[in-house]
C-alpha atoms as a PDB file:
ATOM      1  CA  MET A   1      -0.020  -0.005  -0.023  1.00  0.00           C
ATOM      2  CA  ILE A   2       1.072   3.600  -0.622  1.00  0.00           C
ATOM      3  CA  VAL A   3       0.564   6.140   2.122  1.00  0.00           C
ATOM      4  CA  GLY A   4       1.247   9.895   2.310  1.00  0.00           C
ATOM      5  CA  ILE A   5       2.037  11.791   5.494  1.00  0.00           C
ATOM      6  CA  ASN A   6       1.411  15.488   6.060  1.00  0.00           C
ATOM      7  CA  GLY A   7       2.586  17.479   9.097  1.00  0.00           C
ATOM      8  CA  ILE A   8       3.578  21.042   9.931  1.00  0.00           C
ATOM      9  CA  ASN A   9       6.394  22.159  12.241  1.00  0.00           C
ATOM     10  CA  ILE A  10       7.029  18.692  13.750  1.00  0.00           C
ATOM     11  CA  ARG A  11       9.561  18.991  16.578  1.00  0.00           C
ATOM     12  CA  SER A  12      10.907  17.347  19.749  1.00  0.00           C
ATOM     13  CA  GLU A  13       8.501  14.678  21.187  1.00  0.00           C
ATOM     14  CA  ARG A  14       6.154  14.863  18.188  1.00  0.00           C
ATOM     15  CA  LYS A  15       9.046  14.040  15.894  1.00  0.00           C
ATOM     16  CA  LYS A  16       9.900  10.992  18.016  1.00  0.00           C
ATOM     17  CA  ILE A  17       6.275   9.814  17.796  1.00  0.00           C
ATOM     18  CA  LEU A  18       6.241  10.411  14.029  1.00  0.00           C
ATOM     19  CA  ASN A  19       9.455   8.501  13.510  1.00  0.00           C
ATOM     20  CA  SER A  20       8.020   5.554  15.398  1.00  0.00           C
ATOM     21  CA  LEU A  21       4.890   5.615  13.283  1.00  0.00           C
ATOM     22  CA  ILE A  22       6.951   5.758  10.088  1.00  0.00           C
ATOM     23  CA  ASP A  23       9.076   2.824  11.256  1.00  0.00           C
ATOM     24  CA  LEU A  24       5.894   0.851  11.902  1.00  0.00           C
ATOM     25  CA  LEU A  25       4.542   1.640   8.442  1.00  0.00           C
ATOM     26  CA  ILE A  26       7.802   0.524   6.865  1.00  0.00           C
ATOM     27  CA  GLN A  27       7.646  -2.784   8.840  1.00  0.00           C
ATOM     28  CA  LYS A  28       4.124  -3.247   7.536  1.00  0.00           C
ATOM     29  CA  GLY A  29       5.380  -2.888   3.958  1.00  0.00           C
ATOM     30  CA  PHE A  30       4.007   0.574   3.152  1.00  0.00           C
ATOM     31  CA  LYS A  31       5.608   2.803   0.563  1.00  0.00           C
ATOM     32  CA  ILE A  32       5.773   6.334   2.053  1.00  0.00           C
ATOM     33  CA  PHE A  33       5.551   9.794   0.550  1.00  0.00           C
ATOM     34  CA  ILE A  34       5.629  12.975   2.616  1.00  0.00           C
ATOM     35  CA  SER A  35       4.271  16.487   1.977  1.00  0.00           C
ATOM     36  CA  LYS A  36       6.431  19.431   1.145  1.00  0.00           C
ATOM     37  CA  GLU A  37       5.388  21.011   4.482  1.00  0.00           C
ATOM     38  CA  LEU A  38       6.542  17.914   6.394  1.00  0.00           C
ATOM     39  CA  SER A  39       9.832  17.703   4.571  1.00  0.00           C
ATOM     40  CA  LYS A  40      10.813  21.002   6.179  1.00  0.00           C
ATOM     41  CA  SER A  41      10.844  19.254   9.557  1.00  0.00           C
ATOM     42  CA  PHE A  42      13.507  16.822   8.419  1.00  0.00           C
ATOM     43  CA  SER A  43      16.992  17.829   7.354  1.00  0.00           C
ATOM     44  CA  ASN A  44      17.745  14.511   5.730  1.00  0.00           C
ATOM     45  CA  SER A  45      14.600  12.720   4.662  1.00  0.00           C
ATOM     46  CA  LYS A  46      14.851   9.507   2.667  1.00  0.00           C
ATOM     47  CA  HIS A  47      11.150   9.704   1.736  1.00  0.00           C
ATOM     48  CA  LYS A  48       9.913  11.235  -1.501  1.00  0.00           C
ATOM     49  CA  VAL A  49       7.764  14.345  -1.498  1.00  0.00           C
ATOM     50  CA  TYR A  50       4.328  13.892  -3.000  1.00  0.00           C
ATOM     51  CA  ASN A  51       2.767  16.206  -5.581  1.00  0.00           C
ATOM     52  CA  ASP A  52      -0.604  16.483  -7.312  1.00  0.00           C
ATOM     53  CA  ARG A  53       0.261  13.543  -9.558  1.00  0.00           C
ATOM     54  CA  THR A  54       1.687  11.119  -7.078  1.00  0.00           C
ATOM     55  CA  ILE A  55      -1.080  11.772  -4.559  1.00  0.00           C
ATOM     56  CA  LEU A  56      -3.530  10.096  -6.949  1.00  0.00           C
ATOM     57  CA  ASN A  57      -1.831   6.727  -6.406  1.00  0.00           C
ATOM     58  CA  MET A  58      -2.095   6.771  -2.614  1.00  0.00           C
ATOM     59  CA  ASP A  59      -4.356   4.473  -0.657  1.00  0.00           C
ATOM     60  CA  PHE A  60      -4.698   7.118   2.074  1.00  0.00           C
ATOM     61  CA  ILE A  61      -2.949  10.103   3.657  1.00  0.00           C
ATOM     62  CA  ILE A  62      -2.090  10.494   7.321  1.00  0.00           C
ATOM     63  CA  SER A  63      -2.548  13.988   8.726  1.00  0.00           C
ATOM     64  CA  PHE A  64      -0.137  14.142  11.676  1.00  0.00           C
ATOM     65  CA  GLY A  65      -0.868  17.122  13.910  1.00  0.00           C
ATOM     66  CA  GLY A  66      -4.057  18.857  14.977  1.00  0.00           C
ATOM     67  CA  ASP A  67      -7.148  20.012  13.211  1.00  0.00           C
ATOM     68  CA  GLY A  68      -5.232  22.805  11.430  1.00  0.00           C
ATOM     69  CA  THR A  69      -2.961  20.187   9.846  1.00  0.00           C
ATOM     70  CA  LEU A  70      -5.972  18.183   8.779  1.00  0.00           C
ATOM     71  CA  LEU A  71      -7.528  21.214   7.118  1.00  0.00           C
ATOM     72  CA  ASN A  72      -4.237  21.741   5.295  1.00  0.00           C
ATOM     73  CA  THR A  73      -4.345  18.095   4.214  1.00  0.00           C
ATOM     74  CA  VAL A  74      -7.822  18.621   2.899  1.00  0.00           C
ATOM     75  CA  THR A  75      -6.431  21.417   0.717  1.00  0.00           C
ATOM     76  CA  ASN A  76      -3.803  18.976  -0.597  1.00  0.00           C
ATOM     77  CA  VAL A  77      -6.394  16.363  -1.423  1.00  0.00           C
ATOM     78  CA  GLY A  78      -9.105  18.607  -2.789  1.00  0.00           C
ATOM     79  CA  ARG A  79     -11.362  16.841  -5.261  1.00  0.00           C
ATOM     80  CA  LYS A  80      -9.100  13.810  -5.605  1.00  0.00           C
ATOM     81  CA  GLY A  81     -11.133  11.664  -3.178  1.00  0.00           C
ATOM     82  CA  ILE A  82      -8.092  10.301  -1.331  1.00  0.00           C
ATOM     83  CA  LYS A  83      -8.922   8.987   2.148  1.00  0.00           C
ATOM     84  CA  ILE A  84      -7.494  10.885   5.153  1.00  0.00           C
ATOM     85  CA  LEU A  85      -6.572   9.529   8.590  1.00  0.00           C
ATOM     86  CA  GLY A  86      -6.138  12.244  11.186  1.00  0.00           C
ATOM     87  CA  VAL A  87      -3.652  11.481  13.969  1.00  0.00           C
ATOM     88  CA  ASN A  88      -3.952  14.066  16.743  1.00  0.00           C
ATOM     89  CA  VAL A  89      -0.842  15.351  18.415  1.00  0.00           C
ATOM     90  CA  GLY A  90      -2.288  18.862  18.649  1.00  0.00           C
ATOM     91  CA  LYS A  91      -4.370  20.450  21.353  1.00  0.00           C
ATOM     92  CA  LEU A  92      -8.125  20.073  20.861  1.00  0.00           C
ATOM     93  CA  GLY A  93      -8.516  17.774  17.866  1.00  0.00           C
ATOM     94  CA  PHE A  94     -12.136  17.448  16.778  1.00  0.00           C
ATOM     95  CA  LEU A  95     -11.227  16.251  13.275  1.00  0.00           C
ATOM     96  CA  SER A  96      -8.118  14.208  14.061  1.00  0.00           C
ATOM     97  CA  PHE A  97      -8.084  11.442  16.644  1.00  0.00           C
ATOM     98  CA  ASP A  98      -5.956  10.485  19.603  1.00  0.00           C
ATOM     99  CA  VAL A  99      -4.975   7.151  18.027  1.00  0.00           C
ATOM    100  CA  TYR A 100      -1.176   7.247  17.932  1.00  0.00           C
ATOM    101  CA  ASP A 101      -1.074   5.077  21.080  1.00  0.00           C
ATOM    102  CA  VAL A 102      -3.006   2.321  19.295  1.00  0.00           C
ATOM    103  CA  PHE A 103      -1.645   3.051  15.836  1.00  0.00           C
ATOM    104  CA  GLU A 104      -0.432  -0.464  15.167  1.00  0.00           C
ATOM    105  CA  LYS A 105      -3.941  -1.973  15.563  1.00  0.00           C
ATOM    106  CA  LEU A 106      -5.464   0.774  13.493  1.00  0.00           C
ATOM    107  CA  ILE A 107      -3.006   0.258  10.626  1.00  0.00           C
ATOM    108  CA  HIS A 108      -3.708  -3.478  10.756  1.00  0.00           C
ATOM    109  CA  ASP A 109      -7.492  -2.736  10.590  1.00  0.00           C
ATOM    110  CA  ILE A 110      -6.933  -0.418   7.598  1.00  0.00           C
ATOM    111  CA  GLN A 111      -4.976  -3.147   5.765  1.00  0.00           C
ATOM    112  CA  GLU A 112      -7.910  -5.499   6.490  1.00  0.00           C
ATOM    113  CA  ASP A 113     -10.495  -2.878   5.384  1.00  0.00           C
ATOM    114  CA  ASN A 114     -11.880  -2.998   8.946  1.00  0.00           C
ATOM    115  CA  TYR A 115     -12.632   0.671   9.580  1.00  0.00           C
ATOM    116  CA  THR A 116     -15.332   3.323   9.146  1.00  0.00           C
ATOM    117  CA  LEU A 117     -15.181   5.724   6.222  1.00  0.00           C
ATOM    118  CA  GLU A 118     -17.127   8.938   6.885  1.00  0.00           C
ATOM    119  CA  LYS A 119     -17.963  11.359   4.053  1.00  0.00           C
ATOM    120  CA  ARG A 120     -17.818  14.989   5.237  1.00  0.00           C
ATOM    121  CA  THR A 121     -19.609  17.876   3.466  1.00  0.00           C
ATOM    122  CA  LEU A 122     -17.642  20.894   2.193  1.00  0.00           C
ATOM    123  CA  VAL A 123     -18.763  24.327   1.071  1.00  0.00           C
ATOM    124  CA  SER A 124     -17.610  26.176  -1.997  1.00  0.00           C
ATOM    125  CA  ILE A 125     -17.616  29.897  -2.906  1.00  0.00           C
ATOM    126  CA  LYS A 126     -17.550  31.684  -6.248  1.00  0.00           C
ATOM    127  CA  ASN A 127     -17.725  35.312  -7.375  1.00  0.00           C
ATOM    128  CA  LYS A 128     -18.419  36.962 -10.724  1.00  0.00           C
ATOM    129  CA  ASN A 129     -14.828  36.562 -11.925  1.00  0.00           C
ATOM    130  CA  ASN A 130     -14.370  33.069 -10.523  1.00  0.00           C
ATOM    131  CA  ASN A 131     -10.878  34.095  -9.428  1.00  0.00           C
ATOM    132  CA  ILE A 132     -10.810  32.297  -6.037  1.00  0.00           C
ATOM    133  CA  GLN A 133      -8.361  29.349  -6.144  1.00  0.00           C
ATOM    134  CA  ASN A 134      -9.069  26.236  -3.999  1.00  0.00           C
ATOM    135  CA  ASN A 135     -12.471  27.735  -3.403  1.00  0.00           C
ATOM    136  CA  PHE A 136     -13.666  25.061  -0.953  1.00  0.00           C
ATOM    137  CA  ALA A 137     -13.603  24.552   2.798  1.00  0.00           C
ATOM    138  CA  LEU A 138     -14.249  21.685   5.195  1.00  0.00           C
ATOM    139  CA  ASN A 139     -15.003  23.879   8.224  1.00  0.00           C
ATOM    140  CA  GLU A 140     -16.278  27.208   7.082  1.00  0.00           C
ATOM    141  CA  ILE A 141     -16.173  30.096   4.671  1.00  0.00           C
ATOM    142  CA  SER A 142     -16.094  33.493   6.398  1.00  0.00           C
ATOM    143  CA  VAL A 143     -16.390  37.102   5.307  1.00  0.00           C
ATOM    144  CA  ILE A 144     -14.479  39.243   7.820  1.00  0.00           C
ATOM    145  CA  LYS A 145     -13.565  42.955   8.166  1.00  0.00           C
ATOM    146  CA  LYS A 146      -9.834  43.600   7.822  1.00  0.00           C
ATOM    147  CA  ASP A 147      -8.392  47.143   7.695  1.00  0.00           C
ATOM    148  CA  SER A 148     -10.849  49.020   9.880  1.00  0.00           C
ATOM    149  CA  SER A 149     -12.648  48.841  13.200  1.00  0.00           C
ATOM    150  CA  SER A 150     -15.849  49.708  11.344  1.00  0.00           C
ATOM    151  CA  MET A 151     -18.454  46.986  10.871  1.00  0.00           C
ATOM    152  CA  ILE A 152     -18.991  45.349   7.532  1.00  0.00           C
ATOM    153  CA  LYS A 153     -22.431  45.441   5.871  1.00  0.00           C
ATOM    154  CA  ILE A 154     -23.576  42.145   4.344  1.00  0.00           C
ATOM    155  CA  HIS A 155     -26.915  41.525   2.573  1.00  0.00           C
ATOM    156  CA  CYS A 156     -27.761  37.879   2.848  1.00  0.00           C
ATOM    157  CA  PHE A 157     -30.127  35.851   0.607  1.00  0.00           C
ATOM    158  CA  ILE A 158     -31.088  32.164   0.698  1.00  0.00           C
ATOM    159  CA  ASP A 159     -32.342  30.753  -2.595  1.00  0.00           C
ATOM    160  CA  ASN A 160     -32.879  34.394  -3.726  1.00  0.00           C
ATOM    161  CA  LYS A 161     -35.053  35.170  -0.687  1.00  0.00           C
ATOM    162  CA  PHE A 162     -33.768  38.057   1.419  1.00  0.00           C
ATOM    163  CA  ILE A 163     -32.997  37.149   5.044  1.00  0.00           C
ATOM    164  CA  CYS A 164     -31.579  40.336   6.447  1.00  0.00           C
ATOM    165  CA  THR A 165     -28.609  42.747   6.366  1.00  0.00           C
ATOM    166  CA  TYR A 166     -25.868  41.890   8.812  1.00  0.00           C
ATOM    167  CA  TRP A 167     -24.048  44.841  10.360  1.00  0.00           C
ATOM    168  CA  SER A 168     -21.246  42.959  12.079  1.00  0.00           C
ATOM    169  CA  ASP A 169     -17.556  42.105  12.105  1.00  0.00           C
ATOM    170  CA  GLY A 170     -18.336  39.338   9.610  1.00  0.00           C
ATOM    171  CA  LEU A 171     -20.339  36.294   8.746  1.00  0.00           C
ATOM    172  CA  ILE A 172     -19.546  32.583   8.926  1.00  0.00           C
ATOM    173  CA  ILE A 173     -21.009  29.943   6.643  1.00  0.00           C
ATOM    174  CA  SER A 174     -20.213  26.634   8.325  1.00  0.00           C
ATOM    175  CA  THR A 175     -20.587  22.933   7.548  1.00  0.00           C
ATOM    176  CA  PRO A 176     -21.601  20.486  10.300  1.00  0.00           C
ATOM    177  CA  THR A 177     -17.946  19.676  10.644  1.00  0.00           C
ATOM    178  CA  GLY A 178     -17.132  23.329  11.194  1.00  0.00           C
ATOM    179  CA  SER A 179     -19.906  23.829  13.759  1.00  0.00           C
ATOM    180  CA  THR A 180     -17.375  22.977  16.466  1.00  0.00           C
ATOM    181  CA  GLY A 181     -14.916  25.586  15.209  1.00  0.00           C
ATOM    182  CA  TYR A 182     -15.145  29.322  14.541  1.00  0.00           C
ATOM    183  CA  SER A 183     -18.944  29.268  14.552  1.00  0.00           C
ATOM    184  CA  LEU A 184     -19.073  27.686  18.000  1.00  0.00           C
ATOM    185  CA  SER A 185     -16.802  30.416  19.428  1.00  0.00           C
ATOM    186  CA  CYS A 186     -19.268  32.988  18.031  1.00  0.00           C
ATOM    187  CA  GLY A 187     -22.226  31.353  19.789  1.00  0.00           C
ATOM    188  CA  GLY A 188     -23.355  28.997  17.066  1.00  0.00           C
ATOM    189  CA  PRO A 189     -24.875  25.537  17.814  1.00  0.00           C
ATOM    190  CA  ILE A 190     -23.172  22.167  17.333  1.00  0.00           C
ATOM    191  CA  LEU A 191     -24.394  19.952  14.484  1.00  0.00           C
ATOM    192  CA  THR A 192     -23.644  16.275  14.173  1.00  0.00           C
ATOM    193  CA  PRO A 193     -21.372  15.497  11.251  1.00  0.00           C
ATOM    194  CA  ASP A 194     -24.153  13.640   9.377  1.00  0.00           C
ATOM    195  CA  SER A 195     -26.539  16.586   9.493  1.00  0.00           C
ATOM    196  CA  LYS A 196     -27.757  17.651   6.062  1.00  0.00           C
ATOM    197  CA  ASN A 197     -27.453  21.324   6.917  1.00  0.00           C
ATOM    198  CA  LEU A 198     -25.328  24.507   6.669  1.00  0.00           C
ATOM    199  CA  LEU A 199     -25.008  27.087   9.406  1.00  0.00           C
ATOM    200  CA  ILE A 200     -24.921  30.859   9.137  1.00  0.00           C
ATOM    201  CA  THR A 201     -23.444  32.608  12.150  1.00  0.00           C
ATOM    202  CA  PRO A 202     -22.802  36.418  12.525  1.00  0.00           C
ATOM    203  CA  ILE A 203     -19.563  37.599  14.105  1.00  0.00           C
ATOM    204  CA  SER A 204     -20.238  40.273  16.777  1.00  0.00           C
ATOM    205  CA  PRO A 205     -23.455  41.573  15.189  1.00  0.00           C
ATOM    206  CA  HIS A 206     -24.511  45.088  16.047  1.00  0.00           C
ATOM    207  CA  ASN A 207     -28.134  43.961  16.439  1.00  0.00           C
ATOM    208  CA  LEU A 208     -28.043  41.511  19.369  1.00  0.00           C
ATOM    209  CA  SER A 209     -31.241  39.804  18.211  1.00  0.00           C
ATOM    210  CA  LEU A 210     -29.351  38.279  15.276  1.00  0.00           C
ATOM    211  CA  ARG A 211     -28.556  34.640  15.931  1.00  0.00           C
ATOM    212  CA  SER A 212     -27.281  31.643  14.005  1.00  0.00           C
ATOM    213  CA  ILE A 213     -29.629  30.057  11.563  1.00  0.00           C
ATOM    214  CA  ILE A 214     -29.552  26.434  10.344  1.00  0.00           C
ATOM    215  CA  ILE A 215     -30.528  25.906   6.702  1.00  0.00           C
ATOM    216  CA  SER A 216     -30.715  22.996   4.266  1.00  0.00           C
ATOM    217  CA  GLU A 217     -27.442  21.979   2.601  1.00  0.00           C
ATOM    218  CA  LYS A 218     -29.392  22.161  -0.696  1.00  0.00           C
ATOM    219  CA  SER A 219     -29.767  25.929  -0.270  1.00  0.00           C
ATOM    220  CA  LYS A 220     -27.736  28.482  -2.189  1.00  0.00           C
ATOM    221  CA  ILE A 221     -26.480  31.457  -0.185  1.00  0.00           C
ATOM    222  CA  LYS A 222     -25.853  34.799  -1.836  1.00  0.00           C
ATOM    223  CA  LEU A 223     -23.859  37.463   0.011  1.00  0.00           C
ATOM    224  CA  GLU A 224     -23.757  41.030  -1.231  1.00  0.00           C
ATOM    225  CA  ILE A 225     -21.160  43.128   0.527  1.00  0.00           C
ATOM    226  CA  GLU A 226     -22.043  46.775   0.323  1.00  0.00           C
ATOM    227  CA  LYS A 227     -19.300  49.011  -1.026  1.00  0.00           C
ATOM    228  CA  GLN A 228     -16.443  49.041   1.413  1.00  0.00           C
ATOM    229  CA  LYS A 229     -13.932  51.850   1.781  1.00  0.00           C
ATOM    230  CA  TYR A 230     -11.572  49.319   3.408  1.00  0.00           C
ATOM    231  CA  ASN A 231     -10.383  45.868   2.537  1.00  0.00           C
ATOM    232  CA  PHE A 232     -12.136  42.797   3.867  1.00  0.00           C
ATOM    233  CA  LEU A 233     -11.228  39.092   3.908  1.00  0.00           C
ATOM    234  CA  VAL A 234     -12.891  36.006   2.491  1.00  0.00           C
ATOM    235  CA  SER A 235     -11.382  32.980   4.294  1.00  0.00           C
ATOM    236  CA  MET A 236     -11.766  29.266   3.542  1.00  0.00           C
ATOM    237  CA  ASP A 237     -10.534  27.375   6.590  1.00  0.00           C
ATOM    238  CA  SER A 238      -6.935  28.564   6.832  1.00  0.00           C
ATOM    239  CA  ARG A 239      -6.721  30.259   3.397  1.00  0.00           C
ATOM    240  CA  SER A 240      -7.850  33.849   2.741  1.00  0.00           C
ATOM    241  CA  TYR A 241      -8.221  36.413  -0.026  1.00  0.00           C
ATOM    242  CA  THR A 242      -8.508  40.192   0.227  1.00  0.00           C
ATOM    243  CA  PHE A 243     -11.353  42.112  -1.495  1.00  0.00           C
ATOM    244  CA  LYS A 244     -12.585  45.651  -1.627  1.00  0.00           C
ATOM    245  CA  GLY A 245     -15.650  47.551  -2.826  1.00  0.00           C
ATOM    246  CA  ASP A 246     -18.965  46.114  -3.924  1.00  0.00           C
ATOM    247  CA  GLN A 247     -18.757  42.291  -4.078  1.00  0.00           C
ATOM    248  CA  LYS A 248     -21.160  39.406  -4.557  1.00  0.00           C
ATOM    249  CA  PHE A 249     -20.504  35.795  -3.599  1.00  0.00           C
ATOM    250  CA  ILE A 250     -22.402  32.562  -3.974  1.00  0.00           C
ATOM    251  CA  ILE A 251     -21.811  29.908  -1.323  1.00  0.00           C
ATOM    252  CA  GLU A 252     -23.208  26.398  -1.517  1.00  0.00           C
ATOM    253  CA  LYS A 253     -22.492  22.777  -0.723  1.00  0.00           C
ATOM    254  CA  SER A 254     -19.507  21.444  -2.734  1.00  0.00           C
ATOM    255  CA  ASN A 255     -20.126  18.773  -5.339  1.00  0.00           C
ATOM    256  CA  PHE A 256     -17.533  16.487  -3.668  1.00  0.00           C
ATOM    257  CA  ASN A 257     -16.847  15.172  -0.155  1.00  0.00           C
ATOM    258  CA  ILE A 258     -13.828  14.576   2.001  1.00  0.00           C
ATOM    259  CA  ASN A 259     -13.383  10.922   3.104  1.00  0.00           C
ATOM    260  CA  LEU A 260     -12.205  10.537   6.711  1.00  0.00           C
ATOM    261  CA  ILE A 261     -11.017   7.239   8.132  1.00  0.00           C
ATOM    262  CA  HIS A 262     -12.378   6.478  11.645  1.00  0.00           C
ATOM    263  CA  PRO A 263     -11.658   3.556  13.918  1.00  0.00           C
ATOM    264  CA  ASN A 264     -14.827   1.457  14.141  1.00  0.00           C
ATOM    265  CA  ASN A 265     -15.346   2.495  17.762  1.00  0.00           C
ATOM    266  CA  PHE A 266     -15.383   6.255  16.909  1.00  0.00           C
ATOM    267  CA  ASP A 267     -18.153   8.052  18.825  1.00  0.00           C
ATOM    268  CA  PHE A 268     -18.826  11.765  18.043  1.00  0.00           C
ATOM    269  CA  PHE A 269     -20.612  12.356  21.359  1.00  0.00           C
ATOM    270  CA  LYS A 270     -17.750  10.796  23.268  1.00  0.00           C
ATOM    271  CA  THR A 271     -15.467  13.238  21.469  1.00  0.00           C
ATOM    272  CA  LEU A 272     -17.684  16.183  22.616  1.00  0.00           C
ATOM    273  CA  ARG A 273     -17.593  14.985  26.177  1.00  0.00           C
ATOM    274  CA  LYS A 274     -13.834  14.639  26.162  1.00  0.00           C
ATOM    275  CA  LYS A 275     -12.900  17.793  24.206  1.00  0.00           C
ATOM    276  CA  LEU A 276     -15.466  20.151  25.716  1.00  0.00           C
ATOM    277  CA  ASN A 277     -15.629  18.623  29.187  1.00  0.00           C
ATOM    278  CA  TRP A 278     -19.387  18.080  28.880  1.00  0.00           C
ATOM    279  CA  GLY A 279     -20.974  16.826  32.047  1.00  0.00           C
ATOM    280  CA  LEU A 280     -17.662  17.113  33.968  1.00  0.00           C
ATOM    281  CA  ASP A 281     -18.629  16.902  37.611  1.00  0.00           C
ATOM    282  CA  LEU A 282     -16.998  15.242  40.572  1.00  0.00           C
ATOM    283  CA  ARG A 283     -20.257  13.514  41.262  1.00  0.00           C
ATOM    284  CA  ASN A 284     -19.920  11.613  37.949  1.00  0.00           C
END
C-alpha cells in the first residue's frame, strides 16, 4: 500500500512519535511519501515528497498534527477523493483522533478494510470573476472585516429570498464539521457530522437579536457586501483572499466530499464529552 504523510512544524517529542509511526509503516510494507510541508521538519529525509500527480496513487494520507494540519491536508487532497486519517498530536482535535497510542492496531485494521469511512460535506464559494483558487472549505467560509474597526455590511439571501442585512464584524457559513470551530466560538450551535445542513453565524453583530440560523445543505447562499472603503477578507478554513468595494459571492455545498477514516469505535458524542468537558462533575 502507498501512504502519504502530512505534518507542519514537527519537533521534539512529536518528531519521536512520528518517527516511530513511520518505522511501523515501513515494517508493515508501506511505501511512504511525505508532503512538502513535512519535509521542512527533516533535514535528511529518505522519503519522496508527494505532488498532485503522485497523490492520486495513494491508498490514504495520514494527517499528523491537529485540526489545522488536517484542514491543510484537505487542501492537498481537494477533489481527488483520497482517504484521510487524522492522527492528533495537537491540542483540541475534533477532526483528528488520539490514536497514535493504538496506531499499530489501526493500521492493521486499515489493511484489512476494517474501519469506518465517513464522508464529510464541504462548502464552496464563487464570485463573478471566478478568481478564487481552491475555493472550498471543510470547516467554514467566512467574510471578515480587515483594515478598519468599522463594521462590515452584508446583505444575505437564501435561494434568492432576502434574510436580512448583517451589520457585524463578519459572517460565517459553516458545515456540520465546522460547527465545532469558529462558529461555536461565536455562539453557534453544534451539528452532528451527518446533519444535512449548513449554518450561518454572525460575528459580533450590532443587532443583538441576530442569531445563528440552520438551513438545508441544498440551499444556495448569496452574500452582497455593500461598497467598502476598506479591505475585507474572504477565508476558507486557513486560506484567505482580500477584497474591496462592492462584491457578490455565492456559497453552497460542494459537489464532492472529504473521506475521513475512523476507527470502528469512533463516537462523536464521546469526542464532545472529552474535548469540551461536557458533564464534567466530581459526582460523575
